[in-house]
Amino acid sequence: VTPLAGFCDEIQYLFVAEHLAKTNRYECDDDEVIEVVTLSREQLEEKIIDGTITDAKTIACLSKARLCGYI
């Protein structure tokens, strides 16, 4: 997905992962804050509809995954 076409050459990659196991191990930079939130597709779509999620890259990747039959 190229979210800023015509402005810059940034590319957003979409990865589909299956059969994952939850773990408490992850590493991030000292100034980086990561919160892992698990949502069903329906919950994700509801958060987009109600305006909780407004990030265009997230919405574009969800749309691409649906159109390509990944989800």
PDB file of N, CA and C in Angstrom:
ATOM      1  N   VAL A   1       0.859  -1.166   0.000  1.00  0.00           N
ATOM      2  CA  VAL A   1       0.000   0.000   0.000  1.00  0.00           C
ATOM      3  C   VAL A   1       0.902   1.225   0.000  1.00  0.00           C
ATOM      4  N   THR A   2       0.626   2.190  -0.848  1.00  0.00           N
ATOM      5  CA  THR A   2       1.380   3.445  -0.866  1.00  0.00           C
ATOM      6  C   THR A   2       0.470   4.559  -0.347  1.00  0.00           C
ATOM      7  N   PRO A   3       0.487   4.817   0.960  1.00  0.00           N
ATOM      8  CA  PRO A   3      -0.458   5.750   1.559  1.00  0.00           C
ATOM      9  C   PRO A   3      -0.241   7.210   1.190  1.00  0.00           C
ATOM     10  N   LEU A   4       0.923   7.570   0.722  1.00  0.00           N
ATOM     11  CA  LEU A   4       1.209   8.967   0.403  1.00  0.00           C
ATOM     12  C   LEU A   4       1.627   9.122  -1.055  1.00  0.00           C
ATOM     13  N   ALA A   5       0.958   8.414  -1.947  1.00  0.00           N
ATOM     14  CA  ALA A   5       1.290   8.484  -3.376  1.00  0.00           C
ATOM     15  C   ALA A   5       1.241   9.939  -3.841  1.00  0.00           C
ATOM     16  N   GLY A   6       2.238  10.337  -4.606  1.00  0.00           N
ATOM     17  CA  GLY A   6       2.322  11.704  -5.094  1.00  0.00           C
ATOM     18  C   GLY A   6       3.039  12.636  -4.135  1.00  0.00           C
ATOM     19  N   PHE A   7       3.280  12.173  -2.919  1.00  0.00           N
ATOM     20  CA  PHE A   7       3.953  12.998  -1.915  1.00  0.00           C
ATOM     21  C   PHE A   7       5.332  12.444  -1.578  1.00  0.00           C
ATOM     22  N   CYS A   8       5.403  11.129  -1.368  1.00  0.00           N
ATOM     23  CA  CYS A   8       6.680  10.477  -1.102  1.00  0.00           C
ATOM     24  C   CYS A   8       6.586   9.019  -1.555  1.00  0.00           C
ATOM     25  N   ASP A   9       7.695   8.313  -1.492  1.00  0.00           N
ATOM     26  CA  ASP A   9       7.718   6.941  -1.997  1.00  0.00           C
ATOM     27  C   ASP A   9       7.601   5.894  -0.880  1.00  0.00           C
ATOM     28  N   GLU A  10       7.002   6.268   0.231  1.00  0.00           N
ATOM     29  CA  GLU A  10       6.815   5.335   1.342  1.00  0.00           C
ATOM     30  C   GLU A  10       5.919   4.172   0.915  1.00  0.00           C
ATOM     31  N   ILE A  11       6.269   2.974   1.338  1.00  0.00           N
ATOM     32  CA  ILE A  11       5.466   1.779   1.069  1.00  0.00           C
ATOM     33  C   ILE A  11       5.095   1.148   2.403  1.00  0.00           C
ATOM     34  N   GLN A  12       3.841   0.778   2.551  1.00  0.00           N
ATOM     35  CA  GLN A  12       3.361   0.097   3.750  1.00  0.00           C
ATOM     36  C   GLN A  12       3.194  -1.374   3.397  1.00  0.00           C
ATOM     37  N   TYR A  13       3.906  -2.246   4.091  1.00  0.00           N
ATOM     38  CA  TYR A  13       3.822  -3.679   3.827  1.00  0.00           C
ATOM     39  C   TYR A  13       2.779  -4.315   4.724  1.00  0.00           C
ATOM     40  N   LEU A  14       2.071  -5.272   4.181  1.00  0.00           N
ATOM     41  CA  LEU A  14       1.040  -6.002   4.906  1.00  0.00           C
ATOM     42  C   LEU A  14       1.505  -7.435   5.088  1.00  0.00           C
ATOM     43  N   PHE A  15       1.525  -7.891   6.325  1.00  0.00           N
ATOM     44  CA  PHE A  15       1.899  -9.267   6.635  1.00  0.00           C
ATOM     45  C   PHE A  15       0.713  -9.957   7.282  1.00  0.00           C
ATOM     46  N   VAL A  16       0.456 -11.173   6.877  1.00  0.00           N
ATOM     47  CA  VAL A  16      -0.607 -11.972   7.478  1.00  0.00           C
ATOM     48  C   VAL A  16       0.053 -13.103   8.252  1.00  0.00           C
ATOM     49  N   ALA A  17      -0.270 -13.204   9.527  1.00  0.00           N
ATOM     50  CA  ALA A  17       0.300 -14.251  10.383  1.00  0.00           C
ATOM     51  C   ALA A  17      -0.833 -15.127  10.909  1.00  0.00           C
ATOM     52  N   GLU A  18      -0.584 -16.403  10.952  1.00  0.00           N
ATOM     53  CA  GLU A  18      -1.589 -17.353  11.431  1.00  0.00           C
ATOM     54  C   GLU A  18      -0.982 -18.245  12.499  1.00  0.00           C
ATOM     55  N   HIS A  19      -1.845 -18.831  13.321  1.00  0.00           N
ATOM     56  CA  HIS A  19      -1.450 -19.812  14.338  1.00  0.00           C
ATOM     57  C   HIS A  19      -0.390 -19.239  15.280  1.00  0.00           C
ATOM     58  N   LEU A  20      -0.656 -18.076  15.808  1.00  0.00           N
ATOM     59  CA  LEU A  20       0.286 -17.408  16.698  1.00  0.00           C
ATOM     60  C   LEU A  20       0.059 -17.824  18.145  1.00  0.00           C
ATOM     61  N   ALA A  21       1.083 -17.701  18.936  1.00  0.00           N
ATOM     62  CA  ALA A  21       0.993 -17.968  20.372  1.00  0.00           C
ATOM     63  C   ALA A  21       1.355 -16.683  21.116  1.00  0.00           C
ATOM     64  N   LYS A  22       0.597 -16.375  22.141  1.00  0.00           N
ATOM     65  CA  LYS A  22       0.853 -15.174  22.925  1.00  0.00           C
ATOM     66  C   LYS A  22       2.116 -15.351  23.758  1.00  0.00           C
ATOM     67  N   THR A  23       2.903 -14.296  23.827  1.00  0.00           N
ATOM     68  CA  THR A  23       4.128 -14.308  24.621  1.00  0.00           C
ATOM     69  C   THR A  23       4.284 -12.958  25.300  1.00  0.00           C
ATOM     70  N   ASN A  24       5.005 -12.915  26.366  1.00  0.00           N
ATOM     71  CA  ASN A  24       5.282 -11.651  27.047  1.00  0.00           C
ATOM     72  C   ASN A  24       6.638 -11.094  26.649  1.00  0.00           C
ATOM     73  N   ARG A  25       7.346 -11.784  25.774  1.00  0.00           N
ATOM     74  CA  ARG A  25       8.687 -11.366  25.368  1.00  0.00           C
ATOM     75  C   ARG A  25       8.631 -10.503  24.122  1.00  0.00           C
ATOM     76  N   TYR A  26       9.108  -9.312  24.227  1.00  0.00           N
ATOM     77  CA  TYR A  26       9.356  -8.468  23.067  1.00  0.00           C
ATOM     78  C   TYR A  26      10.317  -7.373  23.494  1.00  0.00           C
ATOM     79  N   GLU A  27      11.038  -6.846  22.565  1.00  0.00           N
ATOM     80  CA  GLU A  27      12.005  -5.800  22.862  1.00  0.00           C
ATOM     81  C   GLU A  27      11.669  -4.566  22.040  1.00  0.00           C
ATOM     82  N   CYS A  28      11.812  -3.415  22.658  1.00  0.00           N
ATOM     83  CA  CYS A  28      11.613  -2.172  21.932  1.00  0.00           C
ATOM     84  C   CYS A  28      12.664  -1.167  22.391  1.00  0.00           C
ATOM     85  N   ASP A  29      12.791  -0.092  21.648  1.00  0.00           N
ATOM     86  CA  ASP A  29      13.739   0.958  21.999  1.00  0.00           C
ATOM     87  C   ASP A  29      13.324   1.614  23.311  1.00  0.00           C
ATOM     88  N   ASP A  30      14.272   2.259  23.986  1.00  0.00           N
ATOM     89  CA  ASP A  30      13.994   2.892  25.275  1.00  0.00           C
ATOM     90  C   ASP A  30      12.885   3.937  25.193  1.00  0.00           C
ATOM     91  N   ASP A  31      12.814   4.661  24.077  1.00  0.00           N
ATOM     92  CA  ASP A  31      11.807   5.711  23.934  1.00  0.00           C
ATOM     93  C   ASP A  31      10.552   5.239  23.195  1.00  0.00           C
ATOM     94  N   GLU A  32      10.440   3.953  22.990  1.00  0.00           N
ATOM     95  CA  GLU A  32       9.327   3.377  22.231  1.00  0.00           C
ATOM     96  C   GLU A  32       8.305   2.767  23.188  1.00  0.00           C
ATOM     97  N   VAL A  33       7.040   3.060  22.938  1.00  0.00           N
ATOM     98  CA  VAL A  33       5.958   2.499  23.743  1.00  0.00           C
ATOM     99  C   VAL A  33       5.075   1.675  22.818  1.00  0.00           C
ATOM    100  N   ILE A  34       4.963   0.391  23.099  1.00  0.00           N
ATOM    101  CA  ILE A  34       4.147  -0.501  22.280  1.00  0.00           C
ATOM    102  C   ILE A  34       3.105  -1.152  23.169  1.00  0.00           C
ATOM    103  N   GLU A  35       1.865  -1.064  22.745  1.00  0.00           N
ATOM    104  CA  GLU A  35       0.786  -1.754  23.438  1.00  0.00           C
ATOM    105  C   GLU A  35       0.167  -2.730  22.445  1.00  0.00           C
ATOM    106  N   VAL A  36       0.193  -3.996  22.764  1.00  0.00           N
ATOM    107  CA  VAL A  36      -0.402  -5.014  21.902  1.00  0.00           C
ATOM    108  C   VAL A  36      -1.865  -5.160  22.290  1.00  0.00           C
ATOM    109  N   VAL A  37      -2.746  -4.950  21.318  1.00  0.00           N
ATOM    110  CA  VAL A  37      -4.180  -5.068  21.541  1.00  0.00           C
ATOM    111  C   VAL A  37      -4.710  -6.110  20.572  1.00  0.00           C
ATOM    112  N   THR A  38      -5.368  -7.125  21.092  1.00  0.00           N
ATOM    113  CA  THR A  38      -5.929  -8.177  20.254  1.00  0.00           C
ATOM    114  C   THR A  38      -7.399  -7.871  19.999  1.00  0.00           C
ATOM    115  N   LEU A  39      -7.761  -7.784  18.719  1.00  0.00           N
ATOM    116  CA  LEU A  39      -9.139  -7.508  18.324  1.00  0.00           C
ATOM    117  C   LEU A  39      -9.570  -8.505  17.263  1.00  0.00           C
ATOM    118  N   SER A  40     -10.826  -8.866  17.297  1.00  0.00           N
ATOM    119  CA  SER A  40     -11.376  -9.641  16.185  1.00  0.00           C
ATOM    120  C   SER A  40     -11.549  -8.689  15.002  1.00  0.00           C
ATOM    121  N   ARG A  41     -11.757  -9.241  13.822  1.00  0.00           N
ATOM    122  CA  ARG A  41     -11.991  -8.388  12.654  1.00  0.00           C
ATOM    123  C   ARG A  41     -13.213  -7.509  12.889  1.00  0.00           C
ATOM    124  N   GLU A  42     -14.247  -8.077  13.490  1.00  0.00           N
ATOM    125  CA  GLU A  42     -15.470  -7.325  13.754  1.00  0.00           C
ATOM    126  C   GLU A  42     -15.212  -6.167  14.724  1.00  0.00           C
ATOM    127  N   GLN A  43     -14.427  -6.420  15.760  1.00  0.00           N
ATOM    128  CA  GLN A  43     -14.094  -5.359  16.717  1.00  0.00           C
ATOM    129  C   GLN A  43     -13.271  -4.261  16.050  1.00  0.00           C
ATOM    130  N   LEU A  44     -12.326  -4.654  15.206  1.00  0.00           N
ATOM    131  CA  LEU A  44     -11.510  -3.685  14.480  1.00  0.00           C
ATOM    132  C   LEU A  44     -12.380  -2.813  13.583  1.00  0.00           C
ATOM    133  N   GLU A  45     -13.279  -3.443  12.839  1.00  0.00           N
ATOM    134  CA  GLU A  45     -14.161  -2.690  11.950  1.00  0.00           C
ATOM    135  C   GLU A  45     -15.060  -1.743  12.735  1.00  0.00           C
ATOM    136  N   GLU A  46     -15.555  -2.174  13.889  1.00  0.00           N
ATOM    137  CA  GLU A  46     -16.401  -1.314  14.720  1.00  0.00           C
ATOM    138  C   GLU A  46     -15.626  -0.093  15.212  1.00  0.00           C
ATOM    139  N   LYS A  47     -14.362  -0.292  15.574  1.00  0.00           N
ATOM    140  CA  LYS A  47     -13.540   0.832  16.035  1.00  0.00           C
ATOM    141  C   LYS A  47     -13.247   1.811  14.892  1.00  0.00           C
ATOM    142  N   ILE A  48     -13.183   1.316  13.672  1.00  0.00           N
ATOM    143  CA  ILE A  48     -13.036   2.209  12.515  1.00  0.00           C
ATOM    144  C   ILE A  48     -14.331   2.982  12.305  1.00  0.00           C
ATOM    145  N   ILE A  49     -15.455   2.284  12.371  1.00  0.00           N
ATOM    146  CA  ILE A  49     -16.758   2.922  12.167  1.00  0.00           C
ATOM    147  C   ILE A  49     -17.025   3.991  13.218  1.00  0.00           C
ATOM    148  N   ASP A  50     -16.722   3.690  14.501  1.00  0.00           N
ATOM    149  CA  ASP A  50     -17.048   4.654  15.562  1.00  0.00           C
ATOM    150  C   ASP A  50     -15.991   5.747  15.733  1.00  0.00           C
ATOM    151  N   GLY A  51     -14.919   5.693  14.934  1.00  0.00           N
ATOM    152  CA  GLY A  51     -13.922   6.751  14.958  1.00  0.00           C
ATOM    153  C   GLY A  51     -12.805   6.560  15.967  1.00  0.00           C
ATOM    154  N   THR A  52     -12.783   5.419  16.668  1.00  0.00           N
ATOM    155  CA  THR A  52     -11.689   5.144  17.596  1.00  0.00           C
ATOM    156  C   THR A  52     -10.384   4.962  16.834  1.00  0.00           C
ATOM    157  N   ILE A  53     -10.445   4.232  15.727  1.00  0.00           N
ATOM    158  CA  ILE A  53      -9.282   4.040  14.854  1.00  0.00           C
ATOM    159  C   ILE A  53      -9.476   4.919  13.630  1.00  0.00           C
ATOM    160  N   THR A  54      -8.541   5.854  13.425  1.00  0.00           N
ATOM    161  CA  THR A  54      -8.626   6.769  12.283  1.00  0.00           C
ATOM    162  C   THR A  54      -7.380   6.713  11.405  1.00  0.00           C
ATOM    163  N   ASP A  55      -6.420   5.883  11.793  1.00  0.00           N
ATOM    164  CA  ASP A  55      -5.161   5.783  11.060  1.00  0.00           C
ATOM    165  C   ASP A  55      -5.400   5.233   9.658  1.00  0.00           C
ATOM    166  N   ALA A  56      -5.069   6.020   8.652  1.00  0.00           N
ATOM    167  CA  ALA A  56      -5.331   5.635   7.264  1.00  0.00           C
ATOM    168  C   ALA A  56      -4.570   4.381   6.851  1.00  0.00           C
ATOM    169  N   LYS A  57      -3.370   4.185   7.389  1.00  0.00           N
ATOM    170  CA  LYS A  57      -2.592   2.997   7.026  1.00  0.00           C
ATOM    171  C   LYS A  57      -3.263   1.732   7.546  1.00  0.00           C
ATOM    172  N   THR A  58      -3.785   1.780   8.752  1.00  0.00           N
ATOM    173  CA  THR A  58      -4.502   0.630   9.310  1.00  0.00           C
ATOM    174  C   THR A  58      -5.730   0.318   8.476  1.00  0.00           C
ATOM    175  N   ILE A  59      -6.493   1.337   8.137  1.00  0.00           N
ATOM    176  CA  ILE A  59      -7.716   1.150   7.357  1.00  0.00           C
ATOM    177  C   ILE A  59      -7.389   0.633   5.959  1.00  0.00           C
ATOM    178  N   ALA A  60      -6.340   1.168   5.332  1.00  0.00           N
ATOM    179  CA  ALA A  60      -5.941   0.714   4.001  1.00  0.00           C
ATOM    180  C   ALA A  60      -5.481  -0.737   4.023  1.00  0.00           C
ATOM    181  N   CYS A  61      -4.701  -1.122   5.031  1.00  0.00           N
ATOM    182  CA  CYS A  61      -4.223  -2.508   5.115  1.00  0.00           C
ATOM    183  C   CYS A  61      -5.369  -3.471   5.379  1.00  0.00           C
ATOM    184  N   LEU A  62      -6.328  -3.079   6.206  1.00  0.00           N
ATOM    185  CA  LEU A  62      -7.504  -3.920   6.431  1.00  0.00           C
ATOM    186  C   LEU A  62      -8.274  -4.107   5.124  1.00  0.00           C
ATOM    187  N   SER A  63      -8.466  -3.030   4.394  1.00  0.00           N
ATOM    188  CA  SER A  63      -9.174  -3.114   3.110  1.00  0.00           C
ATOM    189  C   SER A  63      -8.438  -4.015   2.127  1.00  0.00           C
ATOM    190  N   LYS A  64      -7.132  -3.863   2.035  1.00  0.00           N
ATOM    191  CA  LYS A  64      -6.325  -4.695   1.132  1.00  0.00           C
ATOM    192  C   LYS A  64      -6.426  -6.165   1.525  1.00  0.00           C
ATOM    193  N   ALA A  65      -6.335  -6.458   2.816  1.00  0.00           N
ATOM    194  CA  ALA A  65      -6.423  -7.845   3.288  1.00  0.00           C
ATOM    195  C   ALA A  65      -7.776  -8.453   2.949  1.00  0.00           C
ATOM    196  N   ARG A  66      -8.838  -7.684   3.098  1.00  0.00           N
ATOM    197  CA  ARG A  66     -10.180  -8.186   2.765  1.00  0.00           C
ATOM    198  C   ARG A  66     -10.318  -8.413   1.260  1.00  0.00           C
ATOM    199  N   LEU A  67      -9.889  -7.450   0.462  1.00  0.00           N
ATOM    200  CA  LEU A  67     -10.025  -7.555  -0.991  1.00  0.00           C
ATOM    201  C   LEU A  67      -9.204  -8.703  -1.572  1.00  0.00           C
ATOM    202  N   CYS A  68      -8.058  -8.993  -0.965  1.00  0.00           N
ATOM    203  CA  CYS A  68      -7.199 -10.082  -1.440  1.00  0.00           C
ATOM    204  C   CYS A  68      -7.599 -11.435  -0.866  1.00  0.00           C
ATOM    205  N   GLY A  69      -8.594 -11.452   0.010  1.00  0.00           N
ATOM    206  CA  GLY A  69      -9.063 -12.709   0.576  1.00  0.00           C
ATOM    207  C   GLY A  69      -8.199 -13.260   1.693  1.00  0.00           C
ATOM    208  N   TYR A  70      -7.323 -12.418   2.260  1.00  0.00           N
ATOM    209  CA  TYR A  70      -6.482 -12.881   3.367  1.00  0.00           C
ATOM    210  C   TYR A  70      -7.295 -13.055   4.642  1.00  0.00           C
ATOM    211  N   ILE A  71      -8.331 -12.255   4.785  1.00  0.00           N
ATOM    212  CA  ILE A  71      -9.205 -12.345   5.961  1.00  0.00           C
ATOM    213  C   ILE A  71     -10.655 -12.350   5.527  1.00  0.00           C
TER     214      ILE A  71
END
